N, C-alpha and C. Protein backbone atom coordinates (compact mmCIF):
# COMPACT_ATOMS: atom_id res chain seq x y z
N MET A 1 114.86 105.28 114.06
CA MET A 1 113.76 104.88 113.19
C MET A 1 113.02 106.13 112.71
N THR A 2 112.73 106.17 111.43
CA THR A 2 112.01 107.29 110.85
C THR A 2 110.53 107.16 111.18
N SER A 3 109.90 108.28 111.45
CA SER A 3 108.47 108.28 111.78
C SER A 3 107.70 108.99 110.67
N TYR A 4 106.63 108.36 110.23
CA TYR A 4 105.79 108.93 109.19
C TYR A 4 104.40 109.14 109.76
N GLN A 5 103.76 110.20 109.36
CA GLN A 5 102.41 110.48 109.85
C GLN A 5 101.42 109.53 109.19
N ILE A 6 100.54 108.99 110.00
CA ILE A 6 99.41 108.20 109.50
C ILE A 6 98.24 109.17 109.44
N HIS A 7 97.90 109.59 108.25
CA HIS A 7 96.89 110.62 108.05
C HIS A 7 95.46 110.08 108.19
N THR A 8 94.59 111.00 108.54
CA THR A 8 93.15 110.80 108.46
C THR A 8 92.66 111.80 107.42
N ALA A 9 91.38 111.77 107.12
CA ALA A 9 90.84 112.75 106.18
C ALA A 9 90.99 114.17 106.72
N ASP A 10 91.04 114.31 108.04
CA ASP A 10 91.20 115.63 108.64
C ASP A 10 92.61 116.18 108.52
N THR A 11 93.61 115.31 108.49
CA THR A 11 95.01 115.78 108.49
C THR A 11 95.67 115.72 107.12
N ALA A 12 95.09 115.00 106.19
CA ALA A 12 95.70 114.83 104.87
C ALA A 12 95.57 116.09 104.02
N ALA A 13 96.49 116.22 103.08
CA ALA A 13 96.40 117.31 102.10
C ALA A 13 95.08 117.17 101.34
N ASP A 14 94.57 118.28 100.85
CA ASP A 14 93.28 118.25 100.16
C ASP A 14 93.25 117.20 99.05
N ALA A 15 94.35 117.05 98.33
CA ALA A 15 94.41 116.11 97.21
C ALA A 15 94.36 114.65 97.66
N ALA A 16 94.52 114.38 98.96
CA ALA A 16 94.51 113.00 99.47
C ALA A 16 93.29 112.70 100.33
N LYS A 17 92.42 113.66 100.54
CA LYS A 17 91.29 113.49 101.46
C LYS A 17 90.24 112.50 100.98
N GLU A 18 89.84 112.59 99.72
CA GLU A 18 88.73 111.78 99.22
C GLU A 18 88.95 110.28 99.42
N PRO A 19 90.10 109.73 99.03
CA PRO A 19 90.29 108.29 99.25
C PRO A 19 90.18 107.91 100.72
N LEU A 20 90.70 108.73 101.60
CA LEU A 20 90.65 108.42 103.03
C LEU A 20 89.22 108.47 103.55
N GLU A 21 88.43 109.40 103.06
CA GLU A 21 87.02 109.49 103.47
C GLU A 21 86.26 108.24 103.02
N VAL A 22 86.51 107.82 101.80
CA VAL A 22 85.83 106.62 101.28
C VAL A 22 86.25 105.39 102.08
N LEU A 23 87.54 105.25 102.33
CA LEU A 23 88.03 104.08 103.08
C LEU A 23 87.49 104.07 104.51
N GLU A 24 87.43 105.23 105.13
CA GLU A 24 86.88 105.30 106.48
C GLU A 24 85.40 104.90 106.49
N GLY A 25 84.68 105.30 105.46
CA GLY A 25 83.27 104.91 105.35
C GLY A 25 83.11 103.41 105.15
N ALA A 26 84.03 102.81 104.41
CA ALA A 26 83.94 101.37 104.13
C ALA A 26 84.35 100.51 105.32
N PHE A 27 85.39 100.93 106.04
CA PHE A 27 85.94 100.10 107.12
C PHE A 27 85.57 100.58 108.52
N GLY A 28 85.13 101.83 108.63
CA GLY A 28 84.89 102.40 109.94
C GLY A 28 86.15 103.02 110.53
N PHE A 29 87.25 102.93 109.81
CA PHE A 29 88.53 103.53 110.19
C PHE A 29 89.37 103.67 108.93
N VAL A 30 90.37 104.52 108.98
CA VAL A 30 91.31 104.64 107.87
C VAL A 30 92.39 103.60 108.10
N PRO A 31 92.50 102.59 107.24
CA PRO A 31 93.59 101.63 107.40
C PRO A 31 94.94 102.35 107.43
N ALA A 32 95.80 101.92 108.34
CA ALA A 32 97.09 102.58 108.53
C ALA A 32 97.90 102.65 107.23
N GLY A 33 97.85 101.61 106.43
CA GLY A 33 98.57 101.63 105.16
C GLY A 33 98.11 102.78 104.27
N ALA A 34 96.80 103.01 104.22
CA ALA A 34 96.27 104.11 103.42
C ALA A 34 96.62 105.45 104.05
N GLY A 35 96.54 105.53 105.38
CA GLY A 35 96.91 106.76 106.06
C GLY A 35 98.36 107.14 105.81
N LEU A 36 99.21 106.14 105.71
CA LEU A 36 100.62 106.39 105.39
C LEU A 36 100.79 106.81 103.93
N MET A 37 100.09 106.12 103.03
CA MET A 37 100.21 106.46 101.61
C MET A 37 99.74 107.89 101.35
N ALA A 38 98.87 108.42 102.23
CA ALA A 38 98.36 109.78 102.05
C ALA A 38 99.45 110.83 102.25
N ASN A 39 100.63 110.44 102.72
CA ASN A 39 101.76 111.37 102.75
C ASN A 39 102.13 111.81 101.35
N SER A 40 101.72 111.03 100.36
CA SER A 40 101.92 111.37 98.95
C SER A 40 100.57 111.27 98.25
N PRO A 41 99.95 112.41 97.92
CA PRO A 41 98.69 112.33 97.19
C PRO A 41 98.79 111.49 95.91
N ALA A 42 99.94 111.54 95.24
CA ALA A 42 100.11 110.73 94.03
C ALA A 42 99.98 109.25 94.35
N LEU A 43 100.59 108.81 95.45
CA LEU A 43 100.53 107.40 95.81
C LEU A 43 99.13 106.98 96.23
N ILE A 44 98.50 107.70 97.14
CA ILE A 44 97.18 107.28 97.62
C ILE A 44 96.15 107.32 96.49
N ASN A 45 96.23 108.31 95.62
CA ASN A 45 95.26 108.39 94.52
C ASN A 45 95.50 107.32 93.46
N THR A 46 96.76 106.99 93.20
CA THR A 46 97.07 105.90 92.27
C THR A 46 96.56 104.59 92.84
N PHE A 47 96.84 104.33 94.10
CA PHE A 47 96.35 103.13 94.76
C PHE A 47 94.82 103.06 94.70
N PHE A 48 94.18 104.14 95.08
CA PHE A 48 92.72 104.18 95.16
C PHE A 48 92.10 103.89 93.79
N SER A 49 92.65 104.48 92.75
CA SER A 49 92.14 104.24 91.40
C SER A 49 92.36 102.79 90.98
N ALA A 50 93.57 102.29 91.19
CA ALA A 50 93.87 100.90 90.79
C ALA A 50 93.00 99.92 91.57
N PHE A 51 92.86 100.14 92.87
CA PHE A 51 92.05 99.24 93.67
C PHE A 51 90.58 99.29 93.23
N GLY A 52 90.11 100.47 92.88
CA GLY A 52 88.73 100.60 92.39
C GLY A 52 88.49 99.80 91.13
N HIS A 53 89.45 99.83 90.21
CA HIS A 53 89.32 99.05 88.98
C HIS A 53 89.42 97.56 89.28
N PHE A 54 90.32 97.19 90.16
CA PHE A 54 90.51 95.79 90.54
C PHE A 54 89.24 95.23 91.18
N ARG A 55 88.67 95.99 92.09
CA ARG A 55 87.48 95.52 92.80
C ARG A 55 86.21 95.67 91.96
N GLY A 56 86.06 96.82 91.31
CA GLY A 56 84.82 97.10 90.60
C GLY A 56 84.78 96.56 89.18
N GLY A 57 85.91 96.46 88.53
CA GLY A 57 85.93 96.03 87.14
C GLY A 57 86.60 94.70 86.93
N GLY A 58 87.11 94.13 88.00
CA GLY A 58 87.81 92.85 87.89
C GLY A 58 86.85 91.67 87.88
N THR A 59 87.40 90.52 87.57
CA THR A 59 86.59 89.32 87.44
C THR A 59 86.70 88.36 88.62
N PHE A 60 87.61 88.64 89.55
CA PHE A 60 87.75 87.78 90.72
C PHE A 60 86.65 88.08 91.73
N GLY A 61 86.16 87.04 92.40
CA GLY A 61 85.20 87.23 93.47
C GLY A 61 85.89 87.79 94.70
N PRO A 62 85.11 88.24 95.69
CA PRO A 62 85.71 88.82 96.90
C PRO A 62 86.69 87.88 97.60
N ASP A 63 86.36 86.59 97.67
CA ASP A 63 87.26 85.65 98.34
C ASP A 63 88.56 85.48 97.55
N GLU A 64 88.45 85.44 96.23
CA GLU A 64 89.65 85.30 95.39
C GLU A 64 90.53 86.54 95.47
N ARG A 65 89.91 87.73 95.48
CA ARG A 65 90.69 88.96 95.63
C ARG A 65 91.48 88.94 96.93
N GLN A 66 90.84 88.48 98.00
CA GLN A 66 91.53 88.46 99.29
C GLN A 66 92.65 87.42 99.32
N VAL A 67 92.45 86.29 98.66
CA VAL A 67 93.53 85.29 98.58
C VAL A 67 94.72 85.90 97.84
N LEU A 68 94.45 86.63 96.78
CA LEU A 68 95.53 87.32 96.07
C LEU A 68 96.25 88.31 96.98
N LEU A 69 95.50 89.17 97.64
CA LEU A 69 96.10 90.22 98.45
C LEU A 69 96.82 89.66 99.67
N LEU A 70 96.26 88.63 100.29
CA LEU A 70 96.92 88.00 101.44
C LEU A 70 98.19 87.28 100.99
N SER A 71 98.11 86.57 99.89
CA SER A 71 99.30 85.87 99.36
C SER A 71 100.41 86.85 99.03
N ASN A 72 100.04 87.99 98.45
CA ASN A 72 101.03 89.00 98.11
C ASN A 72 101.65 89.59 99.37
N ALA A 73 100.84 89.82 100.39
CA ALA A 73 101.35 90.37 101.65
C ALA A 73 102.37 89.41 102.27
N VAL A 74 102.07 88.12 102.21
CA VAL A 74 103.00 87.12 102.74
C VAL A 74 104.28 87.12 101.90
N ALA A 75 104.14 87.11 100.57
CA ALA A 75 105.32 87.10 99.69
C ALA A 75 106.19 88.33 99.93
N ASN A 76 105.55 89.47 100.23
CA ASN A 76 106.28 90.71 100.49
C ASN A 76 106.67 90.86 101.96
N ARG A 77 106.34 89.86 102.76
CA ARG A 77 106.67 89.84 104.20
C ARG A 77 106.22 91.12 104.90
N SER A 78 105.00 91.54 104.58
CA SER A 78 104.44 92.76 105.15
C SER A 78 103.53 92.40 106.33
N GLU A 79 104.07 92.57 107.52
CA GLU A 79 103.34 92.15 108.71
C GLU A 79 102.02 92.88 108.88
N TRP A 80 101.99 94.19 108.65
CA TRP A 80 100.73 94.92 108.76
C TRP A 80 99.73 94.40 107.72
N ALA A 81 100.17 94.26 106.47
CA ALA A 81 99.24 93.84 105.41
C ALA A 81 98.74 92.42 105.61
N VAL A 82 99.56 91.52 106.12
CA VAL A 82 99.08 90.15 106.39
C VAL A 82 97.98 90.19 107.43
N ALA A 83 98.18 90.94 108.50
CA ALA A 83 97.15 91.04 109.54
C ALA A 83 95.88 91.65 108.96
N PHE A 84 96.01 92.74 108.20
CA PHE A 84 94.85 93.40 107.62
C PHE A 84 94.09 92.47 106.66
N HIS A 85 94.83 91.80 105.78
CA HIS A 85 94.15 90.94 104.80
C HIS A 85 93.68 89.62 105.39
N THR A 86 94.20 89.24 106.55
CA THR A 86 93.62 88.10 107.25
C THR A 86 92.20 88.46 107.69
N LEU A 87 92.05 89.63 108.31
CA LEU A 87 90.72 90.09 108.71
C LEU A 87 89.80 90.17 107.51
N GLU A 88 90.25 90.81 106.45
CA GLU A 88 89.43 90.97 105.25
C GLU A 88 89.10 89.62 104.60
N SER A 89 90.06 88.71 104.57
CA SER A 89 89.83 87.39 103.98
C SER A 89 88.72 86.65 104.71
N LEU A 90 88.80 86.63 106.01
CA LEU A 90 87.79 85.93 106.80
C LEU A 90 86.42 86.58 106.63
N GLN A 91 86.38 87.91 106.56
CA GLN A 91 85.12 88.61 106.36
C GLN A 91 84.55 88.37 104.96
N ASP A 92 85.42 88.14 103.98
CA ASP A 92 84.97 87.93 102.61
C ASP A 92 84.78 86.45 102.25
N GLY A 93 84.77 85.59 103.26
CA GLY A 93 84.39 84.20 103.05
C GLY A 93 85.50 83.24 102.68
N VAL A 94 86.76 83.63 102.82
CA VAL A 94 87.84 82.68 102.55
C VAL A 94 87.85 81.67 103.69
N GLU A 95 87.96 80.40 103.35
CA GLU A 95 87.99 79.34 104.35
C GLU A 95 89.14 79.58 105.32
N PRO A 96 88.89 79.47 106.64
CA PRO A 96 89.97 79.68 107.61
C PRO A 96 91.20 78.81 107.35
N ALA A 97 91.01 77.59 106.86
CA ALA A 97 92.16 76.72 106.58
C ALA A 97 93.01 77.29 105.44
N VAL A 98 92.38 77.92 104.47
CA VAL A 98 93.10 78.55 103.36
C VAL A 98 93.90 79.74 103.89
N VAL A 99 93.25 80.55 104.72
CA VAL A 99 93.92 81.72 105.30
C VAL A 99 95.14 81.27 106.10
N GLU A 100 94.96 80.27 106.95
CA GLU A 100 96.06 79.83 107.80
C GLU A 100 97.22 79.24 106.99
N ALA A 101 96.89 78.48 105.95
CA ALA A 101 97.95 77.92 105.10
C ALA A 101 98.79 79.04 104.48
N ILE A 102 98.12 80.03 103.94
CA ILE A 102 98.83 81.15 103.29
C ILE A 102 99.69 81.88 104.32
N ARG A 103 99.13 82.14 105.50
CA ARG A 103 99.89 82.84 106.55
C ARG A 103 101.14 82.07 106.96
N GLN A 104 101.09 80.75 106.85
CA GLN A 104 102.24 79.92 107.21
C GLN A 104 103.21 79.70 106.05
N GLY A 105 102.89 80.27 104.90
CA GLY A 105 103.75 80.10 103.73
C GLY A 105 103.57 78.75 103.07
N LYS A 106 102.41 78.13 103.29
CA LYS A 106 102.11 76.83 102.70
C LYS A 106 101.09 76.98 101.58
N VAL A 107 100.95 75.94 100.79
CA VAL A 107 99.97 75.92 99.71
C VAL A 107 98.64 75.44 100.29
N PRO A 108 97.56 76.20 100.09
CA PRO A 108 96.25 75.75 100.58
C PRO A 108 95.83 74.43 99.94
N GLU A 109 95.03 73.65 100.66
CA GLU A 109 94.54 72.38 100.11
C GLU A 109 93.48 72.59 99.05
N ASN A 110 92.73 73.68 99.12
CA ASN A 110 91.71 74.00 98.12
C ASN A 110 92.44 74.23 96.80
N PRO A 111 92.21 73.39 95.78
CA PRO A 111 92.99 73.48 94.54
C PRO A 111 92.92 74.83 93.82
N ARG A 112 91.74 75.43 93.77
CA ARG A 112 91.60 76.72 93.08
C ARG A 112 92.35 77.81 93.83
N MET A 113 92.19 77.85 95.15
CA MET A 113 92.88 78.86 95.95
C MET A 113 94.39 78.61 95.96
N ALA A 114 94.79 77.34 95.89
CA ALA A 114 96.21 77.00 95.82
C ALA A 114 96.82 77.55 94.53
N ALA A 115 96.12 77.37 93.42
CA ALA A 115 96.62 77.87 92.14
C ALA A 115 96.72 79.39 92.14
N LEU A 116 95.73 80.04 92.71
CA LEU A 116 95.71 81.50 92.78
C LEU A 116 96.85 82.03 93.64
N SER A 117 97.01 81.44 94.82
CA SER A 117 98.07 81.86 95.74
C SER A 117 99.45 81.59 95.16
N THR A 118 99.63 80.42 94.60
CA THR A 118 100.93 80.02 94.05
C THR A 118 101.32 80.92 92.88
N PHE A 119 100.37 81.20 91.99
CA PHE A 119 100.69 82.00 90.81
C PHE A 119 101.08 83.43 91.20
N THR A 120 100.31 84.05 92.08
CA THR A 120 100.62 85.44 92.44
C THR A 120 101.93 85.54 93.20
N GLN A 121 102.20 84.59 94.09
CA GLN A 121 103.47 84.63 94.81
C GLN A 121 104.64 84.39 93.86
N SER A 122 104.44 83.54 92.88
CA SER A 122 105.48 83.28 91.90
C SER A 122 105.80 84.54 91.09
N LEU A 123 104.75 85.29 90.72
CA LEU A 123 104.97 86.54 89.99
C LEU A 123 105.85 87.49 90.80
N ILE A 124 105.59 87.58 92.10
CA ILE A 124 106.37 88.47 92.96
C ILE A 124 107.79 87.96 93.11
N GLU A 125 107.93 86.70 93.45
CA GLU A 125 109.25 86.13 93.72
C GLU A 125 110.15 86.15 92.49
N LYS A 126 109.54 86.05 91.30
CA LYS A 126 110.34 85.99 90.08
C LYS A 126 110.30 87.29 89.28
N GLY A 127 109.78 88.34 89.91
CA GLY A 127 109.75 89.64 89.23
C GLY A 127 109.00 89.60 87.90
N GLY A 128 107.98 88.76 87.82
CA GLY A 128 107.19 88.64 86.59
C GLY A 128 107.71 87.64 85.59
N HIS A 129 108.89 87.09 85.84
CA HIS A 129 109.51 86.15 84.90
C HIS A 129 109.08 84.71 85.22
N VAL A 130 107.78 84.45 85.15
CA VAL A 130 107.30 83.10 85.45
C VAL A 130 107.40 82.22 84.20
N GLU A 131 107.56 80.95 84.43
CA GLU A 131 107.65 79.99 83.33
C GLU A 131 106.26 79.76 82.74
N ASP A 132 106.23 79.30 81.50
CA ASP A 132 104.97 78.96 80.85
C ASP A 132 104.18 77.94 81.68
N ALA A 133 104.89 77.03 82.33
CA ALA A 133 104.21 76.00 83.14
C ALA A 133 103.38 76.62 84.26
N ALA A 134 103.84 77.75 84.82
CA ALA A 134 103.08 78.41 85.89
C ALA A 134 101.77 78.98 85.35
N VAL A 135 101.82 79.55 84.18
CA VAL A 135 100.62 80.11 83.55
C VAL A 135 99.67 78.96 83.18
N ILE A 136 100.21 77.89 82.63
CA ILE A 136 99.39 76.73 82.26
C ILE A 136 98.70 76.15 83.49
N ALA A 137 99.43 76.01 84.59
CA ALA A 137 98.84 75.48 85.83
C ALA A 137 97.75 76.39 86.36
N PHE A 138 97.97 77.69 86.30
CA PHE A 138 96.98 78.67 86.74
C PHE A 138 95.70 78.54 85.91
N LYS A 139 95.84 78.48 84.60
CA LYS A 139 94.68 78.37 83.73
C LYS A 139 94.01 77.00 83.86
N ALA A 140 94.78 75.97 84.16
CA ALA A 140 94.20 74.63 84.34
C ALA A 140 93.30 74.57 85.57
N ALA A 141 93.50 75.48 86.51
CA ALA A 141 92.67 75.54 87.71
C ALA A 141 91.36 76.28 87.45
N GLY A 142 91.13 76.69 86.20
CA GLY A 142 89.88 77.33 85.84
C GLY A 142 89.96 78.84 85.68
N PHE A 143 91.16 79.39 85.73
CA PHE A 143 91.31 80.83 85.55
C PHE A 143 91.51 81.15 84.07
N THR A 144 91.20 82.38 83.70
CA THR A 144 91.22 82.79 82.30
C THR A 144 92.50 83.55 81.94
N GLU A 145 92.66 83.75 80.65
CA GLU A 145 93.78 84.56 80.15
C GLU A 145 93.71 85.97 80.74
N GLU A 146 92.49 86.55 80.76
CA GLU A 146 92.31 87.87 81.34
C GLU A 146 92.77 87.90 82.80
N GLN A 147 92.46 86.84 83.54
CA GLN A 147 92.83 86.80 84.96
C GLN A 147 94.33 86.66 85.17
N VAL A 148 95.03 86.10 84.21
CA VAL A 148 96.50 86.07 84.29
C VAL A 148 97.00 87.51 84.44
N PHE A 149 96.45 88.40 83.61
CA PHE A 149 96.87 89.80 83.64
C PHE A 149 96.26 90.55 84.81
N GLU A 150 95.07 90.16 85.22
CA GLU A 150 94.43 90.81 86.36
C GLU A 150 95.21 90.56 87.65
N VAL A 151 95.88 89.43 87.75
CA VAL A 151 96.72 89.16 88.92
C VAL A 151 97.82 90.23 89.02
N ILE A 152 98.30 90.72 87.89
CA ILE A 152 99.33 91.77 87.91
C ILE A 152 98.80 93.02 88.60
N THR A 153 97.51 93.32 88.42
CA THR A 153 96.91 94.45 89.13
C THR A 153 97.00 94.24 90.63
N ALA A 154 96.69 93.04 91.09
CA ALA A 154 96.77 92.74 92.53
C ALA A 154 98.20 92.87 93.03
N VAL A 155 99.16 92.43 92.24
CA VAL A 155 100.57 92.54 92.63
C VAL A 155 100.95 94.02 92.75
N ALA A 156 100.50 94.85 91.81
CA ALA A 156 100.83 96.28 91.85
C ALA A 156 100.18 96.96 93.05
N ILE A 157 98.92 96.67 93.30
CA ILE A 157 98.22 97.24 94.46
C ILE A 157 98.94 96.82 95.74
N SER A 158 99.28 95.55 95.82
CA SER A 158 99.97 95.05 97.01
C SER A 158 101.33 95.70 97.18
N ALA A 159 102.05 95.93 96.10
CA ALA A 159 103.35 96.58 96.22
C ALA A 159 103.20 97.95 96.87
N MET A 160 102.16 98.68 96.49
CA MET A 160 101.97 100.01 97.07
C MET A 160 101.72 99.93 98.57
N THR A 161 100.80 99.09 98.98
CA THR A 161 100.47 99.02 100.42
C THR A 161 101.54 98.29 101.20
N ASN A 162 102.02 97.17 100.69
CA ASN A 162 103.00 96.37 101.42
C ASN A 162 104.31 97.10 101.59
N TYR A 163 104.79 97.75 100.55
CA TYR A 163 106.05 98.47 100.64
C TYR A 163 105.92 99.67 101.58
N THR A 164 104.78 100.35 101.52
CA THR A 164 104.54 101.46 102.44
C THR A 164 104.57 100.97 103.88
N ALA A 165 103.87 99.88 104.16
CA ALA A 165 103.84 99.34 105.53
C ALA A 165 105.22 98.81 105.94
N ASN A 166 105.94 98.20 105.01
CA ASN A 166 107.28 97.70 105.34
C ASN A 166 108.24 98.84 105.64
N LEU A 167 108.06 99.97 104.99
CA LEU A 167 108.90 101.13 105.22
C LEU A 167 108.58 101.81 106.55
N ALA A 168 107.30 101.88 106.89
CA ALA A 168 106.88 102.72 108.02
C ALA A 168 106.48 101.96 109.29
N TRP A 169 106.29 100.66 109.21
CA TRP A 169 105.93 99.85 110.38
C TRP A 169 104.76 100.43 111.18
N PRO A 170 103.58 100.54 110.57
CA PRO A 170 102.45 101.12 111.30
C PRO A 170 101.94 100.16 112.39
N PRO A 171 101.34 100.72 113.42
CA PRO A 171 100.72 99.87 114.43
C PRO A 171 99.46 99.23 113.84
N LEU A 172 99.08 98.10 114.40
CA LEU A 172 97.86 97.43 113.94
C LEU A 172 96.64 98.12 114.55
N GLU A 173 95.62 98.29 113.76
CA GLU A 173 94.37 98.84 114.23
C GLU A 173 93.73 97.82 115.17
N ASP A 174 92.83 98.28 116.04
CA ASP A 174 92.18 97.39 117.00
C ASP A 174 91.50 96.20 116.31
N ALA A 175 90.82 96.46 115.21
CA ALA A 175 90.11 95.38 114.50
C ALA A 175 91.07 94.37 113.87
N VAL A 176 92.28 94.81 113.59
CA VAL A 176 93.27 93.99 112.89
C VAL A 176 94.19 93.25 113.88
N ALA A 177 94.38 93.82 115.06
CA ALA A 177 95.34 93.29 116.04
C ALA A 177 95.19 91.80 116.35
N PRO A 178 93.98 91.24 116.42
CA PRO A 178 93.88 89.80 116.70
C PRO A 178 94.52 88.91 115.62
N HIS A 179 94.83 89.50 114.47
CA HIS A 179 95.38 88.74 113.35
C HIS A 179 96.87 89.05 113.13
N ALA A 180 97.53 89.55 114.17
CA ALA A 180 98.96 89.88 114.06
C ALA A 180 99.73 88.69 113.50
N TRP A 181 100.78 89.01 112.75
CA TRP A 181 101.59 87.99 112.07
C TRP A 181 103.02 88.48 112.04
N LYS A 182 103.95 87.57 112.17
CA LYS A 182 105.37 87.89 112.07
C LYS A 182 105.95 87.13 110.89
N ALA A 183 106.79 87.79 110.12
CA ALA A 183 107.39 87.16 108.95
C ALA A 183 108.14 85.89 109.32
N GLY A 184 108.67 85.82 110.53
CA GLY A 184 109.39 84.63 110.98
C GLY A 184 108.51 83.40 111.15
N SER A 185 107.19 83.57 111.06
CA SER A 185 106.28 82.43 111.23
C SER A 185 106.06 81.66 109.94
N LEU A 186 106.73 82.06 108.87
CA LEU A 186 106.60 81.34 107.59
C LEU A 186 107.23 79.96 107.68
N ALA A 187 106.59 79.00 107.05
CA ALA A 187 107.10 77.64 107.03
C ALA A 187 108.48 77.58 106.40
N SER A 188 108.70 78.43 105.40
CA SER A 188 109.98 78.40 104.67
C SER A 188 111.03 79.30 105.32
N ALA A 189 110.65 80.06 106.36
CA ALA A 189 111.59 80.99 106.98
C ALA A 189 112.58 80.28 107.88
């Protein structure tokens, strides 16, 4: 098994330090996925910029952002990211039943969150080639044309973190460990 360094702001190259410092300030620790991405300043800085626009300039609320990111982590079968976004989802007000449904690979009962989760997972599973009916269903749940495209931002952000974690298998941080998840726990697996 290949081993990759999980960087902190102290160990990262100068070009990768700032994102790690900001993340450590926000979470109290450097998330392992970010520490791994810091092996490439291009990757961590691209992620950091995209996530900043998604969070700061996007139209989804904190709970909706987390449903997107958790759904993407499940679709990408990223065990580290599912655990991390479970913690974040619960902290950002996502109903525990919604979180658990997504973690099990099921559709949440909450209609709006179901549409959000279903649409983003469909984008991943179909490589962006979703049918018009999927877009119509997403918009019928109250989402906008702009948000159709904003979901693509979440998919791109998730690809960066999920693929990094899938490649490197980082350990779960203490705060994240209670939310451990295995890809084999999916209802469809």
